Amino acid sequence: QMNSLKPEDTAVYYCNAQQSTIIREYEYWGR
């Protein structure tokens, strides 16, 4: 939820998901 938006907020916004194990981290991205 983004309120009081400013011109400086202009950007491409990406969703990210992370899953960590003791061995390595898995990471996923939206478009």
PDB file of all heavy atoms in Angstrom:
ATOM      1  N   GLN A   1       0.856  -1.176   0.000  1.00  0.00           N
ATOM      2  CA  GLN A   1       0.000   0.000   0.000  1.00  0.00           C
ATOM      3  C   GLN A   1       0.894   1.230   0.000  1.00  0.00           C
ATOM      4  O   GLN A   1       1.702   1.410   0.905  1.00  0.00           O
ATOM      5  CB  GLN A   1      -0.910   0.012   1.225  1.00  0.00           C
ATOM      6  CG  GLN A   1      -1.819   1.225   1.320  1.00  0.00           C
ATOM      7  CD  GLN A   1      -2.855   1.264   0.218  1.00  0.00           C
ATOM      8  OE1 GLN A   1      -3.503   0.267  -0.072  1.00  0.00           O
ATOM      9  NE2 GLN A   1      -3.003   2.423  -0.422  1.00  0.00           N
ATOM     10  N   MET A   2       0.747   2.058  -1.006  1.00  0.00           N
ATOM     11  CA  MET A   2       1.583   3.230  -1.174  1.00  0.00           C
ATOM     12  C   MET A   2       0.717   4.476  -1.074  1.00  0.00           C
ATOM     13  O   MET A   2      -0.151   4.702  -1.918  1.00  0.00           O
ATOM     14  CB  MET A   2       2.320   3.195  -2.514  1.00  0.00           C
ATOM     15  CG  MET A   2       3.149   1.939  -2.725  1.00  0.00           C
ATOM     16  SD  MET A   2       4.116   1.982  -4.258  1.00  0.00           S
ATOM     17  CE  MET A   2       2.787   1.966  -5.465  1.00  0.00           C
ATOM     18  N   ASN A   3       0.959   5.267  -0.050  1.00  0.00           N
ATOM     19  CA  ASN A   3       0.229   6.502   0.169  1.00  0.00           C
ATOM     20  C   ASN A   3       1.173   7.690   0.060  1.00  0.00           C
ATOM     21  O   ASN A   3       2.389   7.546   0.148  1.00  0.00           O
ATOM     22  CB  ASN A   3      -0.439   6.497   1.549  1.00  0.00           C
ATOM     23  CG  ASN A   3      -1.458   5.404   1.713  1.00  0.00           C
ATOM     24  OD1 ASN A   3      -2.157   5.026   0.772  1.00  0.00           O
ATOM     25  ND2 ASN A   3      -1.567   4.877   2.937  1.00  0.00           N
ATOM     26  N   SER A   4       0.593   8.855  -0.109  1.00  0.00           N
ATOM     27  CA  SER A   4       1.378  10.094  -0.202  1.00  0.00           C
ATOM     28  C   SER A   4       2.514   9.959  -1.202  1.00  0.00           C
ATOM     29  O   SER A   4       3.664  10.308  -0.919  1.00  0.00           O
ATOM     30  CB  SER A   4       1.916  10.483   1.177  1.00  0.00           C
ATOM     31  OG  SER A   4       0.864  10.658   2.103  1.00  0.00           O
ATOM     32  N   LEU A   5       2.197   9.462  -2.363  1.00  0.00           N
ATOM     33  CA  LEU A   5       3.221   9.199  -3.363  1.00  0.00           C
ATOM     34  C   LEU A   5       3.900  10.477  -3.840  1.00  0.00           C
ATOM     35  O   LEU A   5       3.275  11.533  -3.943  1.00  0.00           O
ATOM     36  CB  LEU A   5       2.617   8.456  -4.546  1.00  0.00           C
ATOM     37  CG  LEU A   5       2.362   6.966  -4.296  1.00  0.00           C
ATOM     38  CD1 LEU A   5       1.378   6.406  -5.303  1.00  0.00           C
ATOM     39  CD2 LEU A   5       3.680   6.193  -4.349  1.00  0.00           C
ATOM     40  N   LYS A   6       5.175  10.330  -4.121  1.00  0.00           N
ATOM     41  CA  LYS A   6       6.009  11.424  -4.589  1.00  0.00           C
ATOM     42  C   LYS A   6       6.585  11.087  -5.956  1.00  0.00           C
ATOM     43  O   LYS A   6       6.732   9.914  -6.293  1.00  0.00           O
ATOM     44  CB  LYS A   6       7.156  11.678  -3.610  1.00  0.00           C
ATOM     45  CG  LYS A   6       6.732  11.952  -2.179  1.00  0.00           C
ATOM     46  CD  LYS A   6       7.946  12.075  -1.274  1.00  0.00           C
ATOM     47  CE  LYS A   6       7.539  12.345   0.161  1.00  0.00           C
ATOM     48  NZ  LYS A   6       8.721  12.446   1.048  1.00  0.00           N
ATOM     49  N   PRO A   7       6.939  12.096  -6.746  1.00  0.00           N
ATOM     50  CA  PRO A   7       7.578  11.801  -8.039  1.00  0.00           C
ATOM     51  C   PRO A   7       8.827  10.935  -7.898  1.00  0.00           C
ATOM     52  O   PRO A   7       9.116  10.141  -8.803  1.00  0.00           O
ATOM     53  CB  PRO A   7       7.925  13.196  -8.572  1.00  0.00           C
ATOM     54  CG  PRO A   7       6.895  14.079  -7.977  1.00  0.00           C
ATOM     55  CD  PRO A   7       6.659  13.533  -6.595  1.00  0.00           C
ATOM     56  N   GLU A   8       9.529  11.052  -6.792  1.00  0.00           N
ATOM     57  CA  GLU A   8      10.720  10.250  -6.554  1.00  0.00           C
ATOM     58  C   GLU A   8      10.417   8.762  -6.411  1.00  0.00           C
ATOM     59  O   GLU A   8      11.329   7.935  -6.464  1.00  0.00           O
ATOM     60  CB  GLU A   8      11.453  10.729  -5.294  1.00  0.00           C
ATOM     61  CG  GLU A   8      11.812  12.203  -5.305  1.00  0.00           C
ATOM     62  CD  GLU A   8      10.706  13.073  -4.725  1.00  0.00           C
ATOM     63  OE1 GLU A   8      10.671  13.220  -3.478  1.00  0.00           O
ATOM     64  OE2 GLU A   8       9.887  13.594  -5.504  1.00  0.00           O
ATOM     65  N   ASP A   9       9.154   8.420  -6.214  1.00  0.00           N
ATOM     66  CA  ASP A   9       8.751   7.019  -6.118  1.00  0.00           C
ATOM     67  C   ASP A   9       8.602   6.368  -7.486  1.00  0.00           C
ATOM     68  O   ASP A   9       8.388   5.152  -7.562  1.00  0.00           O
ATOM     69  CB  ASP A   9       7.435   6.888  -5.354  1.00  0.00           C
ATOM     70  CG  ASP A   9       7.537   7.346  -3.913  1.00  0.00           C
ATOM     71  OD1 ASP A   9       8.549   7.022  -3.253  1.00  0.00           O
ATOM     72  OD2 ASP A   9       6.606   8.028  -3.437  1.00  0.00           O
ATOM     73  N   THR A  10       8.687   7.145  -8.536  1.00  0.00           N
ATOM     74  CA  THR A  10       8.546   6.611  -9.883  1.00  0.00           C
ATOM     75  C   THR A  10       9.632   5.580 -10.164  1.00  0.00           C
ATOM     76  O   THR A  10      10.820   5.861 -10.029  1.00  0.00           O
ATOM     77  CB  THR A  10       8.613   7.739 -10.917  1.00  0.00           C
ATOM     78  OG1 THR A  10       7.503   8.621 -10.738  1.00  0.00           O
ATOM     79  CG2 THR A  10       8.574   7.180 -12.336  1.00  0.00           C
ATOM     80  N   ALA A  11       9.212   4.390 -10.549  1.00  0.00           N
ATOM     81  CA  ALA A  11      10.141   3.295 -10.794  1.00  0.00           C
ATOM     82  C   ALA A  11       9.357   2.081 -11.259  1.00  0.00           C
ATOM     83  O   ALA A  11       8.125   2.059 -11.218  1.00  0.00           O
ATOM     84  CB  ALA A  11      10.926   2.951  -9.527  1.00  0.00           C
ATOM     85  N   VAL A  12      10.095   1.076 -11.693  1.00  0.00           N
ATOM     86  CA  VAL A  12       9.512  -0.235 -11.894  1.00  0.00           C
ATOM     87  C   VAL A  12       9.618  -0.986 -10.577  1.00  0.00           C
ATOM     88  O   VAL A  12      10.697  -1.079  -9.998  1.00  0.00           O
ATOM     89  CB  VAL A  12      10.221  -1.023 -13.007  1.00  0.00           C
ATOM     90  CG1 VAL A  12       9.615  -2.415 -13.148  1.00  0.00           C
ATOM     91  CG2 VAL A  12      10.123  -0.271 -14.330  1.00  0.00           C
ATOM     92  N   TYR A  13       8.501  -1.494 -10.111  1.00  0.00           N
ATOM     93  CA  TYR A  13       8.458  -2.200  -8.839  1.00  0.00           C
ATOM     94  C   TYR A  13       8.397  -3.701  -9.085  1.00  0.00           C
ATOM     95  O   TYR A  13       7.589  -4.184  -9.877  1.00  0.00           O
ATOM     96  CB  TYR A  13       7.245  -1.754  -8.017  1.00  0.00           C
ATOM     97  CG  TYR A  13       7.428  -0.392  -7.384  1.00  0.00           C
ATOM     98  CD1 TYR A  13       7.441   0.759  -8.172  1.00  0.00           C
ATOM     99  CD2 TYR A  13       7.603  -0.267  -6.011  1.00  0.00           C
ATOM    100  CE1 TYR A  13       7.631   2.006  -7.599  1.00  0.00           C
ATOM    101  CE2 TYR A  13       7.786   0.985  -5.436  1.00  0.00           C
ATOM    102  CZ  TYR A  13       7.803   2.108  -6.230  1.00  0.00           C
ATOM    103  OH  TYR A  13       7.987   3.355  -5.660  1.00  0.00           O
ATOM    104  N   TYR A  14       9.254  -4.430  -8.381  1.00  0.00           N
ATOM    105  CA  TYR A  14       9.377  -5.868  -8.555  1.00  0.00           C
ATOM    106  C   TYR A  14       9.028  -6.605  -7.271  1.00  0.00           C
ATOM    107  O   TYR A  14       9.472  -6.222  -6.192  1.00  0.00           O
ATOM    108  CB  TYR A  14      10.808  -6.251  -8.943  1.00  0.00           C
ATOM    109  CG  TYR A  14      11.284  -5.673 -10.248  1.00  0.00           C
ATOM    110  CD1 TYR A  14      11.930  -4.446 -10.285  1.00  0.00           C
ATOM    111  CD2 TYR A  14      11.097  -6.371 -11.441  1.00  0.00           C
ATOM    112  CE1 TYR A  14      12.374  -3.912 -11.484  1.00  0.00           C
ATOM    113  CE2 TYR A  14      11.542  -5.841 -12.636  1.00  0.00           C
ATOM    114  CZ  TYR A  14      12.185  -4.614 -12.648  1.00  0.00           C
ATOM    115  OH  TYR A  14      12.633  -4.095 -13.841  1.00  0.00           O
ATOM    116  N   CYS A  15       8.271  -7.658  -7.422  1.00  0.00           N
ATOM    117  CA  CYS A  15       7.997  -8.551  -6.303  1.00  0.00           C
ATOM    118  C   CYS A  15       9.137  -9.550  -6.170  1.00  0.00           C
ATOM    119  O   CYS A  15       9.688 -10.018  -7.166  1.00  0.00           O
ATOM    120  CB  CYS A  15       6.670  -9.276  -6.524  1.00  0.00           C
ATOM    121  SG  CYS A  15       6.152 -10.337  -5.153  1.00  0.00           S
ATOM    122  N   ASN A  16       9.463  -9.883  -4.946  1.00  0.00           N
ATOM    123  CA  ASN A  16      10.579 -10.777  -4.660  1.00  0.00           C
ATOM    124  C   ASN A  16      10.191 -11.767  -3.578  1.00  0.00           C
ATOM    125  O   ASN A  16       9.486 -11.417  -2.630  1.00  0.00           O
ATOM    126  CB  ASN A  16      11.797  -9.954  -4.214  1.00  0.00           C
ATOM    127  CG  ASN A  16      12.913 -10.799  -3.646  1.00  0.00           C
ATOM    128  OD1 ASN A  16      13.016 -10.983  -2.430  1.00  0.00           O
ATOM    129  ND2 ASN A  16      13.756 -11.313  -4.521  1.00  0.00           N
ATOM    130  N   ALA A  17      10.647 -12.997  -3.738  1.00  0.00           N
ATOM    131  CA  ALA A  17      10.441 -14.023  -2.722  1.00  0.00           C
ATOM    132  C   ALA A  17      11.758 -14.732  -2.476  1.00  0.00           C
ATOM    133  O   ALA A  17      12.475 -15.061  -3.423  1.00  0.00           O
ATOM    134  CB  ALA A  17       9.366 -15.016  -3.155  1.00  0.00           C
ATOM    135  N   GLN A  18      12.059 -14.977  -1.217  1.00  0.00           N
ATOM    136  CA  GLN A  18      13.312 -15.608  -0.841  1.00  0.00           C
ATOM    137  C   GLN A  18      13.056 -16.798   0.062  1.00  0.00           C
ATOM    138  O   GLN A  18      12.207 -16.749   0.946  1.00  0.00           O
ATOM    139  CB  GLN A  18      14.230 -14.613  -0.128  1.00  0.00           C
ATOM    140  CG  GLN A  18      14.665 -13.445  -0.987  1.00  0.00           C
ATOM    141  CD  GLN A  18      15.536 -12.466  -0.230  1.00  0.00           C
ATOM    142  OE1 GLN A  18      15.659 -12.544   0.994  1.00  0.00           O
ATOM    143  NE2 GLN A  18      16.132 -11.539  -0.950  1.00  0.00           N
ATOM    144  N   GLN A  19      13.820 -17.844  -0.184  1.00  0.00           N
ATOM    145  CA  GLN A  19      13.791 -19.026   0.656  1.00  0.00           C
ATOM    146  C   GLN A  19      15.223 -19.387   0.996  1.00  0.00           C
ATOM    147  O   GLN A  19      16.026 -19.644   0.101  1.00  0.00           O
ATOM    148  CB  GLN A  19      13.089 -20.187  -0.043  1.00  0.00           C
ATOM    149  CG  GLN A  19      12.986 -21.439   0.812  1.00  0.00           C
ATOM    150  CD  GLN A  19      12.295 -22.578   0.089  1.00  0.00           C
ATOM    151  OE1 GLN A  19      12.258 -22.622  -1.140  1.00  0.00           O
ATOM    152  NE2 GLN A  19      11.737 -23.505   0.848  1.00  0.00           N
ATOM    153  N   SER A  20      15.522 -19.394   2.258  1.00  0.00           N
ATOM    154  CA  SER A  20      16.884 -19.649   2.710  1.00  0.00           C
ATOM    155  C   SER A  20      16.998 -21.025   3.344  1.00  0.00           C
ATOM    156  O   SER A  20      16.106 -21.469   4.068  1.00  0.00           O
ATOM    157  CB  SER A  20      17.321 -18.593   3.723  1.00  0.00           C
ATOM    158  OG  SER A  20      17.342 -17.306   3.142  1.00  0.00           O
ATOM    159  N   THR A  21      18.104 -21.682   3.052  1.00  0.00           N
ATOM    160  CA  THR A  21      18.471 -22.927   3.709  1.00  0.00           C
ATOM    161  C   THR A  21      19.858 -22.745   4.294  1.00  0.00           C
ATOM    162  O   THR A  21      20.517 -21.724   4.087  1.00  0.00           O
ATOM    163  CB  THR A  21      18.465 -24.108   2.737  1.00  0.00           C
ATOM    164  OG1 THR A  21      19.552 -23.986   1.817  1.00  0.00           O
ATOM    165  CG2 THR A  21      17.157 -24.166   1.956  1.00  0.00           C
ATOM    166  N   ILE A  22      20.317 -23.742   5.020  1.00  0.00           N
ATOM    167  CA  ILE A  22      21.659 -23.646   5.579  1.00  0.00           C
ATOM    168  C   ILE A  22      22.722 -23.762   4.491  1.00  0.00           C
ATOM    169  O   ILE A  22      23.888 -23.450   4.731  1.00  0.00           O
ATOM    170  CB  ILE A  22      21.894 -24.718   6.658  1.00  0.00           C
ATOM    171  CG1 ILE A  22      21.708 -26.121   6.079  1.00  0.00           C
ATOM    172  CG2 ILE A  22      20.959 -24.499   7.837  1.00  0.00           C
ATOM    173  CD1 ILE A  22      22.101 -27.227   7.035  1.00  0.00           C
ATOM    174  N   ILE A  23      22.316 -24.189   3.306  1.00  0.00           N
ATOM    175  CA  ILE A  23      23.246 -24.355   2.202  1.00  0.00           C
ATOM    176  C   ILE A  23      23.297 -23.131   1.299  1.00  0.00           C
ATOM    177  O   ILE A  23      24.381 -22.626   0.956  1.00  0.00           O
ATOM    178  CB  ILE A  23      22.904 -25.607   1.375  1.00  0.00           C
ATOM    179  CG1 ILE A  23      22.946 -26.855   2.256  1.00  0.00           C
ATOM    180  CG2 ILE A  23      23.856 -25.743   0.198  1.00  0.00           C
ATOM    181  CD1 ILE A  23      22.500 -28.120   1.553  1.00  0.00           C
ATOM    182  N   ARG A  24      22.135 -22.635   0.894  1.00  0.00           N
ATOM    183  CA  ARG A  24      22.077 -21.500  -0.011  1.00  0.00           C
ATOM    184  C   ARG A  24      20.707 -20.841   0.030  1.00  0.00           C
ATOM    185  O   ARG A  24      19.781 -21.351   0.658  1.00  0.00           O
ATOM    186  CB  ARG A  24      22.418 -21.914  -1.443  1.00  0.00           C
ATOM    187  CG  ARG A  24      21.436 -22.905  -2.048  1.00  0.00           C
ATOM    188  CD  ARG A  24      21.801 -23.212  -3.477  1.00  0.00           C
ATOM    189  NE  ARG A  24      20.926 -24.210  -4.078  1.00  0.00           N
ATOM    190  CZ  ARG A  24      20.970 -24.583  -5.342  1.00  0.00           C
ATOM    191  NH1 ARG A  24      21.870 -24.040  -6.165  1.00  0.00           N
ATOM    192  NH2 ARG A  24      20.133 -25.507  -5.795  1.00  0.00           N
ATOM    193  N   GLU A  25      20.621 -19.718  -0.652  1.00  0.00           N
ATOM    194  CA  GLU A  25      19.387 -18.964  -0.717  1.00  0.00           C
ATOM    195  C   GLU A  25      18.774 -19.058  -2.111  1.00  0.00           C
ATOM    196  O   GLU A  25      19.467 -18.917  -3.122  1.00  0.00           O
ATOM    197  CB  GLU A  25      19.642 -17.499  -0.364  1.00  0.00           C
ATOM    198  CG  GLU A  25      18.391 -16.629  -0.356  1.00  0.00           C
ATOM    199  CD  GLU A  25      18.680 -15.212   0.036  1.00  0.00           C
ATOM    200  OE1 GLU A  25      18.631 -14.914   1.244  1.00  0.00           O
ATOM    201  OE2 GLU A  25      18.980 -14.402  -0.867  1.00  0.00           O
ATOM    202  N   TYR A  26      17.475 -19.293  -2.159  1.00  0.00           N
ATOM    203  CA  TYR A  26      16.731 -19.300  -3.406  1.00  0.00           C
ATOM    204  C   TYR A  26      15.967 -17.991  -3.519  1.00  0.00           C
ATOM    205  O   TYR A  26      15.387 -17.514  -2.544  1.00  0.00           O
ATOM    206  CB  TYR A  26      15.755 -20.472  -3.460  1.00  0.00           C
ATOM    207  CG  TYR A  26      16.419 -21.824  -3.392  1.00  0.00           C
ATOM    208  CD1 TYR A  26      16.726 -22.408  -2.170  1.00  0.00           C
ATOM    209  CD2 TYR A  26      16.737 -22.520  -4.563  1.00  0.00           C
ATOM    210  CE1 TYR A  26      17.340 -23.650  -2.109  1.00  0.00           C
ATOM    211  CE2 TYR A  26      17.345 -23.764  -4.507  1.00  0.00           C
ATOM    212  CZ  TYR A  26      17.644 -24.322  -3.277  1.00  0.00           C
ATOM    213  OH  TYR A  26      18.249 -25.556  -3.228  1.00  0.00           O
ATOM    214  N   GLU A  27      15.949 -17.421  -4.701  1.00  0.00           N
ATOM    215  CA  GLU A  27      15.329 -16.129  -4.899  1.00  0.00           C
ATOM    216  C   GLU A  27      14.523 -16.122  -6.193  1.00  0.00           C
ATOM    217  O   GLU A  27      14.974 -16.625  -7.223  1.00  0.00           O
ATOM    218  CB  GLU A  27      16.398 -15.039  -4.939  1.00  0.00           C
ATOM    219  CG  GLU A  27      15.857 -13.628  -4.860  1.00  0.00           C
ATOM    220  CD  GLU A  27      16.956 -12.622  -4.623  1.00  0.00           C
ATOM    221  OE1 GLU A  27      17.930 -12.615  -5.418  1.00  0.00           O
ATOM    222  OE2 GLU A  27      16.866 -11.861  -3.644  1.00  0.00           O
ATOM    223  N   TYR A  28      13.331 -15.515  -6.134  1.00  0.00           N
ATOM    224  CA  TYR A  28      12.445 -15.448  -7.279  1.00  0.00           C
ATOM    225  C   TYR A  28      11.988 -14.010  -7.486  1.00  0.00           C
ATOM    226  O   TYR A  28      11.843 -13.247  -6.536  1.00  0.00           O
ATOM    227  CB  TYR A  28      11.232 -16.362  -7.074  1.00  0.00           C
ATOM    228  CG  TYR A  28      11.595 -17.780  -6.733  1.00  0.00           C
ATOM    229  CD1 TYR A  28      11.678 -18.190  -5.408  1.00  0.00           C
ATOM    230  CD2 TYR A  28      11.874 -18.705  -7.731  1.00  0.00           C
ATOM    231  CE1 TYR A  28      12.027 -19.495  -5.088  1.00  0.00           C
ATOM    232  CE2 TYR A  28      12.221 -20.007  -7.418  1.00  0.00           C
ATOM    233  CZ  TYR A  28      12.302 -20.396  -6.105  1.00  0.00           C
ATOM    234  OH  TYR A  28      12.644 -21.693  -5.792  1.00  0.00           O
ATOM    235  N   TRP A  29      11.736 -13.670  -8.748  1.00  0.00           N
ATOM    236  CA  TRP A  29      11.357 -12.310  -9.102  1.00  0.00           C
ATOM    237  C   TRP A  29      10.164 -12.289 -10.031  1.00  0.00           C
ATOM    238  O   TRP A  29      10.020 -13.147 -10.906  1.00  0.00           O
ATOM    239  CB  TRP A  29      12.516 -11.595  -9.806  1.00  0.00           C
ATOM    240  CG  TRP A  29      13.703 -11.364  -8.932  1.00  0.00           C
ATOM    241  CD1 TRP A  29      14.790 -12.171  -8.789  1.00  0.00           C
ATOM    242  CD2 TRP A  29      13.923 -10.233  -8.078  1.00  0.00           C
ATOM    243  NE1 TRP A  29      15.683 -11.619  -7.899  1.00  0.00           N
ATOM    244  CE2 TRP A  29      15.177 -10.436  -7.449  1.00  0.00           C
ATOM    245  CE3 TRP A  29      13.195  -9.084  -7.793  1.00  0.00           C
ATOM    246  CZ2 TRP A  29      15.705  -9.506  -6.548  1.00  0.00           C
ATOM    247  CZ3 TRP A  29      13.720  -8.178  -6.892  1.00  0.00           C
ATOM    248  CH2 TRP A  29      14.963  -8.390  -6.289  1.00  0.00           C
ATOM    249  N   GLY A  30       9.319 -11.282  -9.845  1.00  0.00           N
ATOM    250  CA  GLY A  30       8.281 -11.004 -10.800  1.00  0.00           C
ATOM    251  C   GLY A  30       8.826 -10.193 -11.956  1.00  0.00           C
ATOM    252  O   GLY A  30       9.995  -9.794 -11.969  1.00  0.00           O
ATOM    253  N   ARG A  31       7.991  -9.924 -12.944  1.00  0.00           N
ATOM    254  CA  ARG A  31       8.424  -9.191 -14.125  1.00  0.00           C
ATOM    255  C   ARG A  31       8.459  -7.686 -13.918  1.00  0.00           C
ATOM    256  O   ARG A  31       9.086  -6.970 -14.700  1.00  0.00           O
ATOM    257  CB  ARG A  31       7.522  -9.522 -15.309  1.00  0.00           C
ATOM    258  CG  ARG A  31       7.613 -10.962 -15.780  1.00  0.00           C
ATOM    259  CD  ARG A  31       6.587 -11.250 -16.846  1.00  0.00           C
ATOM    260  NE  ARG A  31       5.233 -11.113 -16.333  1.00  0.00           N
ATOM    261  CZ  ARG A  31       4.147 -11.207 -17.083  1.00  0.00           C
ATOM    262  NH1 ARG A  31       4.251 -11.437 -18.379  1.00  0.00           N
ATOM    263  NH2 ARG A  31       2.951 -11.067 -16.523  1.00  0.00           N
TER     264      ARG A  31
END
